[in-house]
Amino acid sequence: MTDKEAVQPAETRLKALLLRGLDGDAAAYHDFLDDLSGHLRAFLRRRLYRFQEEVEDLVQEILIAVHNGRHTYRPEQPLTAWVHAIARYKLADFLRGRMRHEALNEPLDEQAGLFAATDGDAAEARRDVGKLLEQLPDKQRLPILHVKLQGLSVAETARVTGLSESAVKVGVHRGLKVLAARIRGKI
């Protein structure tokens, strides 16, 4: 039996249970959530082998999201794709939070890592980018400087430079294209 063949009966059963549940059959909806939790547990255990103790909490979060979003499910679409999208978002949120948590709890006693790198490389890179940007005309240099390096929006850059928003977008696009060609040595 292939993976696809194994998924089909589960898809059919889960979809039928959900649709009956959406029509008011509480027992079918309970069975849907119960069956789905088993599938989610297996899905998460394969992906979170380092965080097995977190799997159950994440299963519950996904089930809550499925329950809260059940009105968005469209019966003409595969149920597994809809549930998988919800599970992926919850998994990504979990991993982002976990990475943030681990970064905050990283021990500070690793002195070798503290002095391993300097800002010299970053300063050299800024100097090189500055030299490359100086070679561009203002209508390309300024949009790249403001949008890409300073993080301003296209509208803010248009106000600052006096260019139209479309000119800012074109300037960024063309300027980056010229810079890429120069870096590759084609200009």
Protein backbone atom coordinates (compact mmCIF):
# COMPACT_ATOMS: atom_id res chain seq x y z
CA MET A 1 0.00 0.00 0.00
CA THR A 2 1.43 3.38 -0.99
CA ASP A 3 1.31 6.50 1.19
CA LYS A 4 -1.31 7.97 -1.14
CA GLU A 5 -3.51 4.87 -0.80
CA ALA A 6 -3.17 5.05 2.99
CA VAL A 7 -4.16 8.72 3.02
CA GLN A 8 -7.32 8.26 0.91
CA PRO A 9 -9.35 6.25 3.46
CA ALA A 10 -8.31 8.66 6.23
CA GLU A 11 -9.23 11.65 4.05
CA THR A 12 -12.62 10.14 3.20
CA ARG A 13 -13.41 9.17 6.80
CA LEU A 14 -12.27 12.45 8.35
CA LYS A 15 -14.07 14.53 5.73
CA ALA A 16 -17.32 12.59 6.24
CA LEU A 17 -17.06 13.00 10.02
CA LEU A 18 -16.36 16.73 9.77
CA LEU A 19 -19.22 17.35 7.35
CA ARG A 20 -21.61 15.44 9.60
CA GLY A 21 -20.26 17.41 12.55
CA LEU A 22 -20.79 20.70 10.72
CA ASP A 23 -24.38 19.58 10.11
CA GLY A 24 -24.91 19.23 13.87
CA ASP A 25 -23.88 15.62 14.60
CA ALA A 26 -21.93 16.13 17.85
CA ALA A 27 -20.80 12.48 18.06
CA ALA A 28 -19.39 12.60 14.52
CA TYR A 29 -17.58 15.85 15.31
CA HIS A 30 -16.10 14.30 18.46
CA ASP A 31 -14.93 11.30 16.41
CA PHE A 32 -13.46 13.70 13.82
CA LEU A 33 -11.40 15.52 16.46
CA ASP A 34 -10.36 12.25 18.09
CA ASP A 35 -9.21 10.68 14.79
CA LEU A 36 -7.56 13.90 13.65
CA SER A 37 -5.57 14.15 16.88
CA GLY A 38 -4.00 10.75 16.16
CA HIS A 39 -2.94 11.86 12.68
CA LEU A 40 -1.59 15.16 14.04
CA ARG A 41 0.38 13.40 16.76
CA ALA A 42 2.10 11.20 14.17
CA PHE A 43 2.74 14.20 11.90
CA LEU A 44 4.31 16.22 14.73
CA ARG A 45 6.32 13.36 16.26
CA ARG A 46 8.12 12.91 12.94
CA ARG A 47 8.95 16.62 12.79
CA LEU A 48 9.61 17.43 16.45
CA TYR A 49 11.87 14.56 17.44
CA ARG A 50 13.84 16.92 19.73
CA PHE A 51 10.69 18.24 21.40
CA GLN A 52 8.56 15.14 21.99
CA GLU A 53 7.28 16.59 25.27
CA GLU A 54 5.77 19.50 23.32
CA VAL A 55 3.83 17.38 20.81
CA GLU A 56 0.66 17.05 22.87
CA ASP A 57 0.42 20.78 23.54
CA LEU A 58 0.87 21.50 19.86
CA VAL A 59 -1.77 18.89 18.91
CA GLN A 60 -4.21 20.69 21.20
CA GLU A 61 -3.34 24.09 19.69
CA ILE A 62 -3.94 22.76 16.18
CA LEU A 63 -7.23 21.14 17.19
CA ILE A 64 -8.38 24.45 18.69
CA ALA A 65 -7.39 26.26 15.48
CA VAL A 66 -9.26 23.66 13.39
CA HIS A 67 -12.30 24.03 15.63
CA ASN A 68 -12.21 27.83 15.54
CA GLY A 69 -11.70 27.86 11.77
CA ARG A 70 -14.12 25.06 10.87
CA HIS A 71 -16.45 27.56 9.22
CA THR A 72 -13.71 28.33 6.66
CA TYR A 73 -13.49 24.76 5.38
CA ARG A 74 -14.92 24.36 1.88
CA PRO A 75 -16.23 20.81 1.24
CA GLU A 76 -15.09 20.80 -2.40
CA GLN A 77 -11.45 20.99 -1.27
CA PRO A 78 -9.38 18.17 0.27
CA LEU A 79 -9.64 18.17 4.04
CA THR A 80 -6.03 17.07 4.50
CA ALA A 81 -4.72 20.13 2.63
CA TRP A 82 -6.81 22.45 4.82
CA VAL A 83 -5.72 20.77 8.06
CA HIS A 84 -2.11 20.55 6.88
CA ALA A 85 -2.02 24.32 6.25
CA ILE A 86 -3.27 24.99 9.79
CA ALA A 87 -0.78 22.49 11.25
CA ARG A 88 2.13 24.02 9.29
CA TYR A 89 1.31 27.53 10.57
CA LYS A 90 1.05 26.32 14.16
CA LEU A 91 4.28 24.33 13.80
CA ALA A 92 6.08 27.37 12.36
CA ASP A 93 4.79 29.53 15.22
CA PHE A 94 5.99 26.94 17.72
CA LEU A 95 9.44 26.70 16.15
CA ARG A 96 9.82 30.49 16.00
CA GLY A 97 8.87 30.75 19.65
CA ARG A 98 11.15 27.88 20.56
CA MET A 99 14.11 29.44 18.74
CA ARG A 100 13.45 32.77 20.46
CA HIS A 101 13.22 31.00 23.82
CA GLU A 102 16.48 29.12 23.23
CA ALA A 103 18.28 32.29 22.14
CA LEU A 104 17.17 34.06 25.32
CA ASN A 105 18.34 31.14 27.46
CA GLU A 106 21.71 30.64 25.79
CA PRO A 107 24.46 30.58 28.42
CA LEU A 108 26.63 33.68 28.59
CA ASP A 109 29.68 31.88 29.93
CA GLU A 110 30.99 30.93 26.46
CA GLN A 111 33.73 33.55 26.36
CA ALA A 112 35.40 32.20 23.22
CA GLY A 113 32.26 32.84 21.18
CA LEU A 114 32.02 36.39 22.45
CA PHE A 115 35.35 37.45 20.98
CA ALA A 116 35.34 35.24 17.88
CA ALA A 117 34.13 37.88 15.41
CA THR A 118 34.50 41.61 15.02
CA ASP A 119 32.53 44.28 13.26
CA GLY A 120 35.36 44.66 10.74
CA ASP A 121 33.65 42.47 8.16
CA ALA A 122 30.41 44.41 8.46
CA ALA A 123 32.26 47.72 8.11
CA GLU A 124 34.05 46.46 5.01
CA ALA A 125 30.78 45.28 3.52
CA ARG A 126 29.14 48.69 4.17
CA ARG A 127 32.11 50.42 2.53
CA ASP A 128 31.89 48.12 -0.52
CA VAL A 129 28.14 48.66 -0.86
CA GLY A 130 28.69 52.41 -0.54
CA LYS A 131 31.26 52.36 -3.36
CA LEU A 132 28.92 50.38 -5.58
CA LEU A 133 26.00 52.71 -4.85
CA GLU A 134 28.11 55.79 -5.68
CA GLN A 135 28.36 54.50 -9.24
CA LEU A 136 24.59 54.61 -9.72
CA PRO A 137 22.57 57.64 -10.79
CA ASP A 138 20.44 59.25 -8.04
CA LYS A 139 17.18 57.85 -9.48
CA GLN A 140 18.54 54.34 -8.75
CA ARG A 141 20.88 54.98 -5.82
CA LEU A 142 18.40 56.87 -3.61
CA PRO A 143 15.56 54.33 -3.87
CA ILE A 144 17.96 51.47 -3.04
CA LEU A 145 19.46 53.44 -0.16
CA HIS A 146 16.10 54.34 1.37
CA VAL A 147 14.04 51.22 0.63
CA LYS A 148 16.58 48.41 0.84
CA LEU A 149 19.16 49.75 3.28
CA GLN A 150 17.17 52.07 5.55
CA GLY A 151 13.93 50.08 5.43
CA LEU A 152 11.63 52.91 4.37
CA SER A 153 8.46 52.07 2.48
CA VAL A 154 8.08 52.95 -1.19
CA ALA A 155 5.64 55.74 -0.26
CA GLU A 156 8.02 57.19 2.34
CA THR A 157 10.90 57.03 -0.12
CA ALA A 158 8.81 58.81 -2.74
CA ARG A 159 8.09 61.63 -0.28
CA VAL A 160 11.74 61.93 0.77
CA THR A 161 13.21 61.84 -2.73
CA GLY A 162 10.46 63.63 -4.66
CA LEU A 163 10.15 60.67 -7.03
CA SER A 164 6.83 59.00 -7.81
CA GLU A 165 6.14 55.65 -6.15
CA SER A 166 6.43 53.85 -9.47
CA ALA A 167 9.76 55.62 -10.14
CA VAL A 168 11.00 54.40 -6.75
CA LYS A 169 10.03 50.80 -7.59
CA VAL A 170 11.61 51.03 -11.04
CA GLY A 171 14.74 52.65 -9.56
CA VAL A 172 15.17 49.85 -7.03
CA HIS A 173 14.63 47.17 -9.66
CA ARG A 174 16.94 48.67 -12.28
CA GLY A 175 19.57 49.70 -9.74
CA LEU A 176 19.77 46.22 -8.23
CA LYS A 177 19.99 44.75 -11.72
CA VAL A 178 22.94 47.05 -12.55
CA LEU A 179 24.65 46.27 -9.24
CA ALA A 180 24.26 42.53 -9.78
CA ALA A 181 25.77 42.85 -13.25
CA ARG A 182 28.70 44.89 -11.89
CA ILE A 183 29.35 42.39 -9.13
CA ARG A 184 29.39 39.59 -11.70
CA GLY A 185 31.85 41.67 -13.75
CA LYS A 186 29.55 42.07 -16.73
CA ILE A 187 29.67 45.88 -16.70
